[in-house]
mmCIF file of all heavy atoms, coordinates in Angstrom:
data_MODEL
# 
_entry.id   MODEL 
# 
loop_
_atom_site.group_PDB 
_atom_site.id 
_atom_site.type_symbol 
_atom_site.label_atom_id 
_atom_site.label_alt_id 
_atom_site.label_comp_id 
_atom_site.label_asym_id 
_atom_site.label_entity_id 
_atom_site.label_seq_id 
_atom_site.pdbx_PDB_ins_code 
_atom_site.Cartn_x 
_atom_site.Cartn_y 
_atom_site.Cartn_z 
_atom_site.occupancy 
_atom_site.B_iso_or_equiv 
_atom_site.pdbx_formal_charge 
_atom_site.auth_seq_id 
_atom_site.auth_comp_id 
_atom_site.auth_asym_id 
_atom_site.auth_atom_id 
_atom_site.pdbx_PDB_model_num 
ATOM 1   N N   . LYS A 1 1  ? -65.659 -50.561 37.510 1.00 0.00 ? 1  LYS A N   1 
ATOM 2   C CA  . LYS A 1 1  ? -64.987 -50.969 36.295 1.00 0.00 ? 1  LYS A CA  1 
ATOM 3   C C   . LYS A 1 1  ? -66.039 -51.605 35.341 1.00 0.00 ? 1  LYS A C   1 
ATOM 4   O O   . LYS A 1 1  ? -65.600 -52.048 34.307 1.00 0.00 ? 1  LYS A O   1 
ATOM 5   C CB  . LYS A 1 1  ? -63.914 -52.007 36.622 1.00 0.00 ? 1  LYS A CB  1 
ATOM 6   C CG  . LYS A 1 1  ? -62.837 -51.392 37.507 1.00 0.00 ? 1  LYS A CG  1 
ATOM 7   C CD  . LYS A 1 1  ? -61.749 -52.430 37.761 1.00 0.00 ? 1  LYS A CD  1 
ATOM 8   C CE  . LYS A 1 1  ? -60.594 -51.912 38.640 1.00 0.00 ? 1  LYS A CE  1 
ATOM 9   N NZ  . LYS A 1 1  ? -59.535 -52.868 38.955 1.00 0.00 ? 1  LYS A NZ  1 
ATOM 10  N N   . GLY A 1 2  ? -67.332 -51.650 35.705 1.00 0.00 ? 2  GLY A N   1 
ATOM 11  C CA  . GLY A 1 2  ? -68.290 -52.209 34.823 1.00 0.00 ? 2  GLY A CA  1 
ATOM 12  C C   . GLY A 1 2  ? -68.514 -53.684 34.924 1.00 0.00 ? 2  GLY A C   1 
ATOM 13  O O   . GLY A 1 2  ? -69.119 -54.356 34.117 1.00 0.00 ? 2  GLY A O   1 
ATOM 14  N N   . THR A 1 3  ? -67.774 -54.340 35.977 1.00 0.00 ? 3  THR A N   1 
ATOM 15  C CA  . THR A 1 3  ? -67.819 -55.725 36.159 1.00 0.00 ? 3  THR A CA  1 
ATOM 16  C C   . THR A 1 3  ? -69.054 -56.080 36.995 1.00 0.00 ? 3  THR A C   1 
ATOM 17  O O   . THR A 1 3  ? -69.282 -55.432 38.068 1.00 0.00 ? 3  THR A O   1 
ATOM 18  C CB  . THR A 1 3  ? -66.553 -56.298 36.867 1.00 0.00 ? 3  THR A CB  1 
ATOM 19  O OG1 . THR A 1 3  ? -65.493 -55.924 35.997 1.00 0.00 ? 3  THR A OG1 1 
ATOM 20  C CG2 . THR A 1 3  ? -66.659 -57.868 36.940 1.00 0.00 ? 3  THR A CG2 1 
ATOM 21  N N   . PRO A 1 4  ? -69.931 -57.060 36.637 1.00 0.00 ? 4  PRO A N   1 
ATOM 22  C CA  . PRO A 1 4  ? -71.051 -57.410 37.521 1.00 0.00 ? 4  PRO A CA  1 
ATOM 23  C C   . PRO A 1 4  ? -70.544 -57.842 38.855 1.00 0.00 ? 4  PRO A C   1 
ATOM 24  O O   . PRO A 1 4  ? -69.624 -58.590 39.023 1.00 0.00 ? 4  PRO A O   1 
ATOM 25  C CB  . PRO A 1 4  ? -71.675 -58.589 36.786 1.00 0.00 ? 4  PRO A CB  1 
ATOM 26  C CG  . PRO A 1 4  ? -71.316 -58.398 35.302 1.00 0.00 ? 4  PRO A CG  1 
ATOM 27  C CD  . PRO A 1 4  ? -69.917 -57.824 35.398 1.00 0.00 ? 4  PRO A CD  1 
ATOM 28  N N   . LYS A 1 5  ? -71.302 -57.393 39.892 1.00 0.00 ? 5  LYS A N   1 
ATOM 29  C CA  . LYS A 1 5  ? -70.948 -57.712 41.236 1.00 0.00 ? 5  LYS A CA  1 
ATOM 30  C C   . LYS A 1 5  ? -71.154 -59.230 41.637 1.00 0.00 ? 5  LYS A C   1 
ATOM 31  O O   . LYS A 1 5  ? -70.573 -59.782 42.472 1.00 0.00 ? 5  LYS A O   1 
ATOM 32  C CB  . LYS A 1 5  ? -71.723 -56.899 42.257 1.00 0.00 ? 5  LYS A CB  1 
ATOM 33  C CG  . LYS A 1 5  ? -71.339 -55.375 42.233 1.00 0.00 ? 5  LYS A CG  1 
ATOM 34  C CD  . LYS A 1 5  ? -72.188 -54.586 43.204 1.00 0.00 ? 5  LYS A CD  1 
ATOM 35  C CE  . LYS A 1 5  ? -71.795 -53.145 43.267 1.00 0.00 ? 5  LYS A CE  1 
ATOM 36  N NZ  . LYS A 1 5  ? -72.634 -52.414 44.220 1.00 0.00 ? 5  LYS A NZ  1 
ATOM 37  N N   . THR A 1 6  ? -72.017 -59.881 40.789 1.00 0.00 ? 6  THR A N   1 
ATOM 38  C CA  . THR A 1 6  ? -72.335 -61.268 41.015 1.00 0.00 ? 6  THR A CA  1 
ATOM 39  C C   . THR A 1 6  ? -72.587 -61.914 39.620 1.00 0.00 ? 6  THR A C   1 
ATOM 40  O O   . THR A 1 6  ? -73.032 -61.267 38.730 1.00 0.00 ? 6  THR A O   1 
ATOM 41  C CB  . THR A 1 6  ? -73.480 -61.510 41.961 1.00 0.00 ? 6  THR A CB  1 
ATOM 42  O OG1 . THR A 1 6  ? -73.783 -62.928 42.019 1.00 0.00 ? 6  THR A OG1 1 
ATOM 43  C CG2 . THR A 1 6  ? -74.750 -60.785 41.440 1.00 0.00 ? 6  THR A CG2 1 
ATOM 44  N N   . GLU A 1 7  ? -72.224 -63.215 39.521 1.00 0.00 ? 7  GLU A N   1 
ATOM 45  C CA  . GLU A 1 7  ? -72.531 -63.888 38.331 1.00 0.00 ? 7  GLU A CA  1 
ATOM 46  C C   . GLU A 1 7  ? -73.874 -64.468 38.376 1.00 0.00 ? 7  GLU A C   1 
ATOM 47  O O   . GLU A 1 7  ? -74.409 -65.011 37.394 1.00 0.00 ? 7  GLU A O   1 
ATOM 48  C CB  . GLU A 1 7  ? -71.514 -65.048 38.101 1.00 0.00 ? 7  GLU A CB  1 
ATOM 49  C CG  . GLU A 1 7  ? -70.070 -64.580 37.799 1.00 0.00 ? 7  GLU A CG  1 
ATOM 50  C CD  . GLU A 1 7  ? -69.129 -65.675 37.616 1.00 0.00 ? 7  GLU A CD  1 
ATOM 51  O OE1 . GLU A 1 7  ? -69.476 -66.886 37.657 1.00 0.00 ? 7  GLU A OE1 1 
ATOM 52  O OE2 . GLU A 1 7  ? -67.888 -65.451 37.382 1.00 0.00 ? 7  GLU A OE2 1 
ATOM 53  N N   . ASP A 1 8  ? -74.565 -64.378 39.542 1.00 0.00 ? 8  ASP A N   1 
ATOM 54  C CA  . ASP A 1 8  ? -75.906 -64.941 39.661 1.00 0.00 ? 8  ASP A CA  1 
ATOM 55  C C   . ASP A 1 8  ? -76.842 -64.062 38.830 1.00 0.00 ? 8  ASP A C   1 
ATOM 56  O O   . ASP A 1 8  ? -76.625 -62.994 38.669 1.00 0.00 ? 8  ASP A O   1 
ATOM 57  C CB  . ASP A 1 8  ? -76.329 -65.011 41.121 1.00 0.00 ? 8  ASP A CB  1 
ATOM 58  C CG  . ASP A 1 8  ? -75.569 -66.062 41.964 1.00 0.00 ? 8  ASP A CG  1 
ATOM 59  O OD1 . ASP A 1 8  ? -75.290 -67.062 41.280 1.00 0.00 ? 8  ASP A OD1 1 
ATOM 60  O OD2 . ASP A 1 8  ? -75.225 -65.816 43.060 1.00 0.00 ? 8  ASP A OD2 1 
ATOM 61  N N   . THR A 1 9  ? -77.963 -64.668 38.483 1.00 0.00 ? 9  THR A N   1 
ATOM 62  C CA  . THR A 1 9  ? -78.974 -63.989 37.663 1.00 0.00 ? 9  THR A CA  1 
ATOM 63  C C   . THR A 1 9  ? -80.324 -63.887 38.298 1.00 0.00 ? 9  THR A C   1 
ATOM 64  O O   . THR A 1 9  ? -80.538 -64.602 39.301 1.00 0.00 ? 9  THR A O   1 
ATOM 65  C CB  . THR A 1 9  ? -79.125 -64.808 36.304 1.00 0.00 ? 9  THR A CB  1 
ATOM 66  O OG1 . THR A 1 9  ? -79.420 -66.203 36.664 1.00 0.00 ? 9  THR A OG1 1 
ATOM 67  C CG2 . THR A 1 9  ? -77.873 -64.776 35.492 1.00 0.00 ? 9  THR A CG2 1 
ATOM 68  N N   . ILE A 1 10 ? -81.200 -63.116 37.794 1.00 0.00 ? 10 ILE A N   1 
ATOM 69  C CA  . ILE A 1 10 ? -82.637 -63.152 38.212 1.00 0.00 ? 10 ILE A CA  1 
ATOM 70  C C   . ILE A 1 10 ? -83.232 -64.293 37.260 1.00 0.00 ? 10 ILE A C   1 
ATOM 71  O O   . ILE A 1 10 ? -83.240 -64.110 36.086 1.00 0.00 ? 10 ILE A O   1 
ATOM 72  C CB  . ILE A 1 10 ? -83.325 -61.796 38.016 1.00 0.00 ? 10 ILE A CB  1 
ATOM 73  C CG1 . ILE A 1 10 ? -82.645 -60.749 38.820 1.00 0.00 ? 10 ILE A CG1 1 
ATOM 74  C CG2 . ILE A 1 10 ? -84.769 -61.919 38.333 1.00 0.00 ? 10 ILE A CG2 1 
ATOM 75  C CD1 . ILE A 1 10 ? -83.153 -59.307 38.576 1.00 0.00 ? 10 ILE A CD1 1 
ATOM 76  N N   . ASP A 1 11 ? -83.704 -65.283 37.908 1.00 0.00 ? 11 ASP A N   1 
ATOM 77  C CA  . ASP A 1 11 ? -84.187 -66.483 37.182 1.00 0.00 ? 11 ASP A CA  1 
ATOM 78  C C   . ASP A 1 11 ? -85.688 -66.527 37.243 1.00 0.00 ? 11 ASP A C   1 
ATOM 79  O O   . ASP A 1 11 ? -86.387 -66.329 38.225 1.00 0.00 ? 11 ASP A O   1 
ATOM 80  C CB  . ASP A 1 11 ? -83.629 -67.749 37.764 1.00 0.00 ? 11 ASP A CB  1 
ATOM 81  C CG  . ASP A 1 11 ? -82.166 -67.814 37.632 1.00 0.00 ? 11 ASP A CG  1 
ATOM 82  O OD1 . ASP A 1 11 ? -81.624 -67.215 36.764 1.00 0.00 ? 11 ASP A OD1 1 
ATOM 83  O OD2 . ASP A 1 11 ? -81.492 -68.576 38.420 1.00 0.00 ? 11 ASP A OD2 1 
ATOM 84  N N   . PHE A 1 12 ? -86.314 -66.857 36.044 1.00 0.00 ? 12 PHE A N   1 
ATOM 85  C CA  . PHE A 1 12 ? -87.710 -67.150 35.991 1.00 0.00 ? 12 PHE A CA  1 
ATOM 86  C C   . PHE A 1 12 ? -87.866 -68.688 35.922 1.00 0.00 ? 12 PHE A C   1 
ATOM 87  O O   . PHE A 1 12 ? -87.354 -69.302 35.029 1.00 0.00 ? 12 PHE A O   1 
ATOM 88  C CB  . PHE A 1 12 ? -88.295 -66.435 34.759 1.00 0.00 ? 12 PHE A CB  1 
ATOM 89  C CG  . PHE A 1 12 ? -88.476 -64.929 35.007 1.00 0.00 ? 12 PHE A CG  1 
ATOM 90  C CD1 . PHE A 1 12 ? -87.323 -64.115 34.833 1.00 0.00 ? 12 PHE A CD1 1 
ATOM 91  C CD2 . PHE A 1 12 ? -89.630 -64.389 35.382 1.00 0.00 ? 12 PHE A CD2 1 
ATOM 92  C CE1 . PHE A 1 12 ? -87.427 -62.777 35.064 1.00 0.00 ? 12 PHE A CE1 1 
ATOM 93  C CE2 . PHE A 1 12 ? -89.757 -63.010 35.562 1.00 0.00 ? 12 PHE A CE2 1 
ATOM 94  C CZ  . PHE A 1 12 ? -88.645 -62.197 35.420 1.00 0.00 ? 12 PHE A CZ  1 
ATOM 95  N N   . VAL A 1 13 ? -88.560 -69.221 36.934 1.00 0.00 ? 13 VAL A N   1 
ATOM 96  C CA  . VAL A 1 13 ? -88.492 -70.621 37.191 1.00 0.00 ? 13 VAL A CA  1 
ATOM 97  C C   . VAL A 1 13 ? -89.926 -71.238 37.184 1.00 0.00 ? 13 VAL A C   1 
ATOM 98  O O   . VAL A 1 13 ? -90.886 -70.712 37.717 1.00 0.00 ? 13 VAL A O   1 
ATOM 99  C CB  . VAL A 1 13 ? -87.920 -70.852 38.590 1.00 0.00 ? 13 VAL A CB  1 
ATOM 100 C CG1 . VAL A 1 13 ? -87.886 -72.276 38.942 1.00 0.00 ? 13 VAL A CG1 1 
ATOM 101 C CG2 . VAL A 1 13 ? -86.492 -70.204 38.630 1.00 0.00 ? 13 VAL A CG2 1 
ATOM 102 N N   . ASP A 1 14 ? -90.050 -72.433 36.505 1.00 0.00 ? 14 ASP A N   1 
ATOM 103 C CA  . ASP A 1 14 ? -91.125 -73.321 36.696 1.00 0.00 ? 14 ASP A CA  1 
ATOM 104 C C   . ASP A 1 14 ? -90.889 -74.237 37.762 1.00 0.00 ? 14 ASP A C   1 
ATOM 105 O O   . ASP A 1 14 ? -90.085 -75.145 37.600 1.00 0.00 ? 14 ASP A O   1 
ATOM 106 C CB  . ASP A 1 14 ? -91.452 -74.010 35.352 1.00 0.00 ? 14 ASP A CB  1 
ATOM 107 C CG  . ASP A 1 14 ? -92.617 -74.919 35.372 1.00 0.00 ? 14 ASP A CG  1 
ATOM 108 O OD1 . ASP A 1 14 ? -93.187 -75.060 36.486 1.00 0.00 ? 14 ASP A OD1 1 
ATOM 109 O OD2 . ASP A 1 14 ? -93.072 -75.415 34.379 1.00 0.00 ? 14 ASP A OD2 1 
ATOM 110 N N   . SER A 1 15 ? -91.522 -74.010 38.982 1.00 0.00 ? 15 SER A N   1 
ATOM 111 C CA  . SER A 1 15 ? -91.109 -74.802 40.123 1.00 0.00 ? 15 SER A CA  1 
ATOM 112 C C   . SER A 1 15 ? -91.606 -76.185 40.072 1.00 0.00 ? 15 SER A C   1 
ATOM 113 O O   . SER A 1 15 ? -91.217 -77.080 40.887 1.00 0.00 ? 15 SER A O   1 
ATOM 114 C CB  . SER A 1 15 ? -91.679 -74.100 41.421 1.00 0.00 ? 15 SER A CB  1 
ATOM 115 O OG  . SER A 1 15 ? -93.124 -74.048 41.309 1.00 0.00 ? 15 SER A OG  1 
ATOM 116 N N   . ASP A 1 16 ? -92.436 -76.527 39.039 1.00 0.00 ? 16 ASP A N   1 
ATOM 117 C CA  . ASP A 1 16 ? -92.928 -77.934 38.941 1.00 0.00 ? 16 ASP A CA  1 
ATOM 118 C C   . ASP A 1 16 ? -91.888 -78.800 38.186 1.00 0.00 ? 16 ASP A C   1 
ATOM 119 O O   . ASP A 1 16 ? -92.029 -79.993 38.105 1.00 0.00 ? 16 ASP A O   1 
ATOM 120 C CB  . ASP A 1 16 ? -94.199 -77.986 38.176 1.00 0.00 ? 16 ASP A CB  1 
ATOM 121 C CG  . ASP A 1 16 ? -95.336 -77.413 39.028 1.00 0.00 ? 16 ASP A CG  1 
ATOM 122 O OD1 . ASP A 1 16 ? -95.273 -77.484 40.259 1.00 0.00 ? 16 ASP A OD1 1 
ATOM 123 O OD2 . ASP A 1 16 ? -96.336 -76.884 38.442 1.00 0.00 ? 16 ASP A OD2 1 
ATOM 124 N N   . GLU A 1 17 ? -90.874 -78.181 37.619 1.00 0.00 ? 17 GLU A N   1 
ATOM 125 C CA  . GLU A 1 17 ? -89.879 -78.960 36.884 1.00 0.00 ? 17 GLU A CA  1 
ATOM 126 C C   . GLU A 1 17 ? -88.565 -78.963 37.620 1.00 0.00 ? 17 GLU A C   1 
ATOM 127 O O   . GLU A 1 17 ? -88.160 -77.968 38.227 1.00 0.00 ? 17 GLU A O   1 
ATOM 128 C CB  . GLU A 1 17 ? -89.630 -78.223 35.531 1.00 0.00 ? 17 GLU A CB  1 
ATOM 129 C CG  . GLU A 1 17 ? -90.844 -78.188 34.627 1.00 0.00 ? 17 GLU A CG  1 
ATOM 130 C CD  . GLU A 1 17 ? -91.292 -79.541 34.211 1.00 0.00 ? 17 GLU A CD  1 
ATOM 131 O OE1 . GLU A 1 17 ? -90.451 -80.413 33.930 1.00 0.00 ? 17 GLU A OE1 1 
ATOM 132 O OE2 . GLU A 1 17 ? -92.515 -79.794 34.016 1.00 0.00 ? 17 GLU A OE2 1 
ATOM 133 N N   . GLN A 1 18 ? -87.909 -80.130 37.602 1.00 0.00 ? 18 GLN A N   1 
ATOM 134 C CA  . GLN A 1 18 ? -86.608 -80.237 38.271 1.00 0.00 ? 18 GLN A CA  1 
ATOM 135 C C   . GLN A 1 18 ? -85.562 -79.295 37.742 1.00 0.00 ? 18 GLN A C   1 
ATOM 136 O O   . GLN A 1 18 ? -84.763 -78.689 38.449 1.00 0.00 ? 18 GLN A O   1 
ATOM 137 C CB  . GLN A 1 18 ? -86.057 -81.669 38.213 1.00 0.00 ? 18 GLN A CB  1 
ATOM 138 C CG  . GLN A 1 18 ? -84.724 -81.991 38.893 1.00 0.00 ? 18 GLN A CG  1 
ATOM 139 C CD  . GLN A 1 18 ? -84.740 -81.776 40.346 1.00 0.00 ? 18 GLN A CD  1 
ATOM 140 O OE1 . GLN A 1 18 ? -85.803 -81.911 40.958 1.00 0.00 ? 18 GLN A OE1 1 
ATOM 141 N NE2 . GLN A 1 18 ? -83.666 -81.597 40.983 1.00 0.00 ? 18 GLN A NE2 1 
ATOM 142 N N   . GLU A 1 19 ? -85.563 -79.135 36.414 1.00 0.00 ? 19 GLU A N   1 
ATOM 143 C CA  . GLU A 1 19 ? -84.623 -78.137 35.790 1.00 0.00 ? 19 GLU A CA  1 
ATOM 144 C C   . GLU A 1 19 ? -85.578 -77.093 35.126 1.00 0.00 ? 19 GLU A C   1 
ATOM 145 O O   . GLU A 1 19 ? -85.860 -77.056 34.010 1.00 0.00 ? 19 GLU A O   1 
ATOM 146 C CB  . GLU A 1 19 ? -83.767 -78.880 34.714 1.00 0.00 ? 19 GLU A CB  1 
ATOM 147 C CG  . GLU A 1 19 ? -82.835 -79.784 35.337 1.00 0.00 ? 19 GLU A CG  1 
ATOM 148 C CD  . GLU A 1 19 ? -81.815 -80.385 34.372 1.00 0.00 ? 19 GLU A CD  1 
ATOM 149 O OE1 . GLU A 1 19 ? -81.962 -80.125 33.185 1.00 0.00 ? 19 GLU A OE1 1 
ATOM 150 O OE2 . GLU A 1 19 ? -80.897 -81.086 34.789 1.00 0.00 ? 19 GLU A OE2 1 
ATOM 151 N N   . GLY A 1 20 ? -86.097 -76.270 36.079 1.00 0.00 ? 20 GLY A N   1 
ATOM 152 C CA  . GLY A 1 20 ? -87.198 -75.366 35.658 1.00 0.00 ? 20 GLY A CA  1 
ATOM 153 C C   . GLY A 1 20 ? -86.794 -73.957 35.336 1.00 0.00 ? 20 GLY A C   1 
ATOM 154 O O   . GLY A 1 20 ? -87.704 -73.124 35.208 1.00 0.00 ? 20 GLY A O   1 
ATOM 155 N N   . ILE A 1 21 ? -85.502 -73.593 35.214 1.00 0.00 ? 21 ILE A N   1 
ATOM 156 C CA  . ILE A 1 21 ? -85.189 -72.176 34.891 1.00 0.00 ? 21 ILE A CA  1 
ATOM 157 C C   . ILE A 1 21 ? -85.434 -71.928 33.349 1.00 0.00 ? 21 ILE A C   1 
ATOM 158 O O   . ILE A 1 21 ? -84.946 -72.691 32.599 1.00 0.00 ? 21 ILE A O   1 
ATOM 159 C CB  . ILE A 1 21 ? -83.663 -71.999 35.154 1.00 0.00 ? 21 ILE A CB  1 
ATOM 160 C CG1 . ILE A 1 21 ? -83.460 -72.086 36.682 1.00 0.00 ? 21 ILE A CG1 1 
ATOM 161 C CG2 . ILE A 1 21 ? -83.343 -70.472 34.754 1.00 0.00 ? 21 ILE A CG2 1 
ATOM 162 C CD1 . ILE A 1 21 ? -81.965 -71.870 37.100 1.00 0.00 ? 21 ILE A CD1 1 
ATOM 163 N N   . LEU A 1 22 ? -86.272 -71.001 33.088 1.00 0.00 ? 22 LEU A N   1 
ATOM 164 C CA  . LEU A 1 22 ? -86.704 -70.783 31.761 1.00 0.00 ? 22 LEU A CA  1 
ATOM 165 C C   . LEU A 1 22 ? -85.941 -69.521 31.188 1.00 0.00 ? 22 LEU A C   1 
ATOM 166 O O   . LEU A 1 22 ? -85.591 -69.525 30.006 1.00 0.00 ? 22 LEU A O   1 
ATOM 167 C CB  . LEU A 1 22 ? -88.188 -70.496 31.742 1.00 0.00 ? 22 LEU A CB  1 
ATOM 168 C CG  . LEU A 1 22 ? -89.127 -71.563 32.363 1.00 0.00 ? 22 LEU A CG  1 
ATOM 169 C CD1 . LEU A 1 22 ? -90.538 -71.197 32.295 1.00 0.00 ? 22 LEU A CD1 1 
ATOM 170 C CD2 . LEU A 1 22 ? -88.933 -72.926 31.632 1.00 0.00 ? 22 LEU A CD2 1 
ATOM 171 N N   . ILE A 1 23 ? -85.849 -68.500 31.977 1.00 0.00 ? 23 ILE A N   1 
ATOM 172 C CA  . ILE A 1 23 ? -85.238 -67.234 31.552 1.00 0.00 ? 23 ILE A CA  1 
ATOM 173 C C   . ILE A 1 23 ? -84.289 -66.766 32.606 1.00 0.00 ? 23 ILE A C   1 
ATOM 174 O O   . ILE A 1 23 ? -84.621 -66.866 33.709 1.00 0.00 ? 23 ILE A O   1 
ATOM 175 C CB  . ILE A 1 23 ? -86.289 -66.147 31.230 1.00 0.00 ? 23 ILE A CB  1 
ATOM 176 C CG1 . ILE A 1 23 ? -87.162 -66.610 30.018 1.00 0.00 ? 23 ILE A CG1 1 
ATOM 177 C CG2 . ILE A 1 23 ? -85.720 -64.757 30.946 1.00 0.00 ? 23 ILE A CG2 1 
ATOM 178 C CD1 . ILE A 1 23 ? -88.380 -65.809 29.774 1.00 0.00 ? 23 ILE A CD1 1 
ATOM 179 N N   . GLN A 1 24 ? -83.157 -66.202 32.280 1.00 0.00 ? 24 GLN A N   1 
ATOM 180 C CA  . GLN A 1 24 ? -82.092 -65.640 33.164 1.00 0.00 ? 24 GLN A CA  1 
ATOM 181 C C   . GLN A 1 24 ? -81.810 -64.217 32.798 1.00 0.00 ? 24 GLN A C   1 
ATOM 182 O O   . GLN A 1 24 ? -81.421 -64.041 31.632 1.00 0.00 ? 24 GLN A O   1 
ATOM 183 C CB  . GLN A 1 24 ? -80.945 -66.569 33.222 1.00 0.00 ? 24 GLN A CB  1 
ATOM 184 C CG  . GLN A 1 24 ? -81.193 -68.003 33.766 1.00 0.00 ? 24 GLN A CG  1 
ATOM 185 C CD  . GLN A 1 24 ? -79.927 -68.857 33.722 1.00 0.00 ? 24 GLN A CD  1 
ATOM 186 O OE1 . GLN A 1 24 ? -79.478 -69.279 32.657 1.00 0.00 ? 24 GLN A OE1 1 
ATOM 187 N NE2 . GLN A 1 24 ? -79.463 -69.112 34.891 1.00 0.00 ? 24 GLN A NE2 1 
ATOM 188 N N   . ILE A 1 25 ? -81.849 -63.368 33.795 1.00 0.00 ? 25 ILE A N   1 
ATOM 189 C CA  . ILE A 1 25 ? -81.398 -61.953 33.506 1.00 0.00 ? 25 ILE A CA  1 
ATOM 190 C C   . ILE A 1 25 ? -80.092 -61.764 34.253 1.00 0.00 ? 25 ILE A C   1 
ATOM 191 O O   . ILE A 1 25 ? -80.064 -61.790 35.490 1.00 0.00 ? 25 ILE A O   1 
ATOM 192 C CB  . ILE A 1 25 ? -82.483 -61.040 33.997 1.00 0.00 ? 25 ILE A CB  1 
ATOM 193 C CG1 . ILE A 1 25 ? -83.814 -61.235 33.217 1.00 0.00 ? 25 ILE A CG1 1 
ATOM 194 C CG2 . ILE A 1 25 ? -82.057 -59.566 33.843 1.00 0.00 ? 25 ILE A CG2 1 
ATOM 195 C CD1 . ILE A 1 25 ? -84.965 -60.473 33.739 1.00 0.00 ? 25 ILE A CD1 1 
ATOM 196 N N   . PRO A 1 26 ? -79.050 -61.458 33.527 1.00 0.00 ? 26 PRO A N   1 
ATOM 197 C CA  . PRO A 1 26 ? -77.768 -61.215 34.198 1.00 0.00 ? 26 PRO A CA  1 
ATOM 198 C C   . PRO A 1 26 ? -77.703 -59.824 34.892 1.00 0.00 ? 26 PRO A C   1 
ATOM 199 O O   . PRO A 1 26 ? -78.579 -59.020 34.634 1.00 0.00 ? 26 PRO A O   1 
ATOM 200 C CB  . PRO A 1 26 ? -76.689 -61.324 33.028 1.00 0.00 ? 26 PRO A CB  1 
ATOM 201 C CG  . PRO A 1 26 ? -77.518 -60.912 31.826 1.00 0.00 ? 26 PRO A CG  1 
ATOM 202 C CD  . PRO A 1 26 ? -78.943 -61.412 32.068 1.00 0.00 ? 26 PRO A CD  1 
ATOM 203 N N   . SER A 1 27 ? -76.788 -59.684 35.800 1.00 0.00 ? 27 SER A N   1 
ATOM 204 C CA  . SER A 1 27 ? -76.583 -58.344 36.464 1.00 0.00 ? 27 SER A CA  1 
ATOM 205 C C   . SER A 1 27 ? -76.007 -57.342 35.529 1.00 0.00 ? 27 SER A C   1 
ATOM 206 O O   . SER A 1 27 ? -74.834 -57.358 35.188 1.00 0.00 ? 27 SER A O   1 
ATOM 207 C CB  . SER A 1 27 ? -75.669 -58.535 37.684 1.00 0.00 ? 27 SER A CB  1 
ATOM 208 O OG  . SER A 1 27 ? -76.283 -59.405 38.578 1.00 0.00 ? 27 SER A OG  1 
ATOM 209 N N   . ARG A 1 28 ? -76.753 -56.378 35.105 1.00 0.00 ? 28 ARG A N   1 
ATOM 210 C CA  . ARG A 1 28 ? -76.377 -55.280 34.229 1.00 0.00 ? 28 ARG A CA  1 
ATOM 211 C C   . ARG A 1 28 ? -77.037 -53.956 34.581 1.00 0.00 ? 28 ARG A C   1 
ATOM 212 O O   . ARG A 1 28 ? -78.262 -54.016 34.786 1.00 0.00 ? 28 ARG A O   1 
ATOM 213 C CB  . ARG A 1 28 ? -76.602 -55.625 32.723 1.00 0.00 ? 28 ARG A CB  1 
ATOM 214 C CG  . ARG A 1 28 ? -75.961 -56.841 32.216 1.00 0.00 ? 28 ARG A CG  1 
ATOM 215 C CD  . ARG A 1 28 ? -74.450 -56.574 32.046 1.00 0.00 ? 28 ARG A CD  1 
ATOM 216 N NE  . ARG A 1 28 ? -73.784 -57.750 31.354 1.00 0.00 ? 28 ARG A NE  1 
ATOM 217 C CZ  . ARG A 1 28 ? -73.393 -58.867 31.997 1.00 0.00 ? 28 ARG A CZ  1 
ATOM 218 N NH1 . ARG A 1 28 ? -73.537 -58.970 33.268 1.00 0.00 ? 28 ARG A NH1 1 
ATOM 219 N NH2 . ARG A 1 28 ? -72.714 -59.790 31.231 1.00 0.00 ? 28 ARG A NH2 1 
ATOM 220 N N   . ASP A 1 29 ? -76.296 -52.885 34.621 1.00 0.00 ? 29 ASP A N   1 
ATOM 221 C CA  . ASP A 1 29 ? -76.888 -51.591 34.921 1.00 0.00 ? 29 ASP A CA  1 
ATOM 222 C C   . ASP A 1 29 ? -77.540 -51.064 33.618 1.00 0.00 ? 29 ASP A C   1 
ATOM 223 O O   . ASP A 1 29 ? -77.064 -51.284 32.522 1.00 0.00 ? 29 ASP A O   1 
ATOM 224 C CB  . ASP A 1 29 ? -75.779 -50.633 35.351 1.00 0.00 ? 29 ASP A CB  1 
ATOM 225 C CG  . ASP A 1 29 ? -75.273 -50.962 36.738 1.00 0.00 ? 29 ASP A CG  1 
ATOM 226 O OD1 . ASP A 1 29 ? -76.064 -51.533 37.534 1.00 0.00 ? 29 ASP A OD1 1 
ATOM 227 O OD2 . ASP A 1 29 ? -74.107 -50.616 36.995 1.00 0.00 ? 29 ASP A OD2 1 
# 
């Protein structure tokens, strides 16, 4: 139906930061 199987994203993370997610890629074909 075109609905993403998960709401989770591929995240690009700076692990030195507590809130380190910089870029998020959603699930899309």
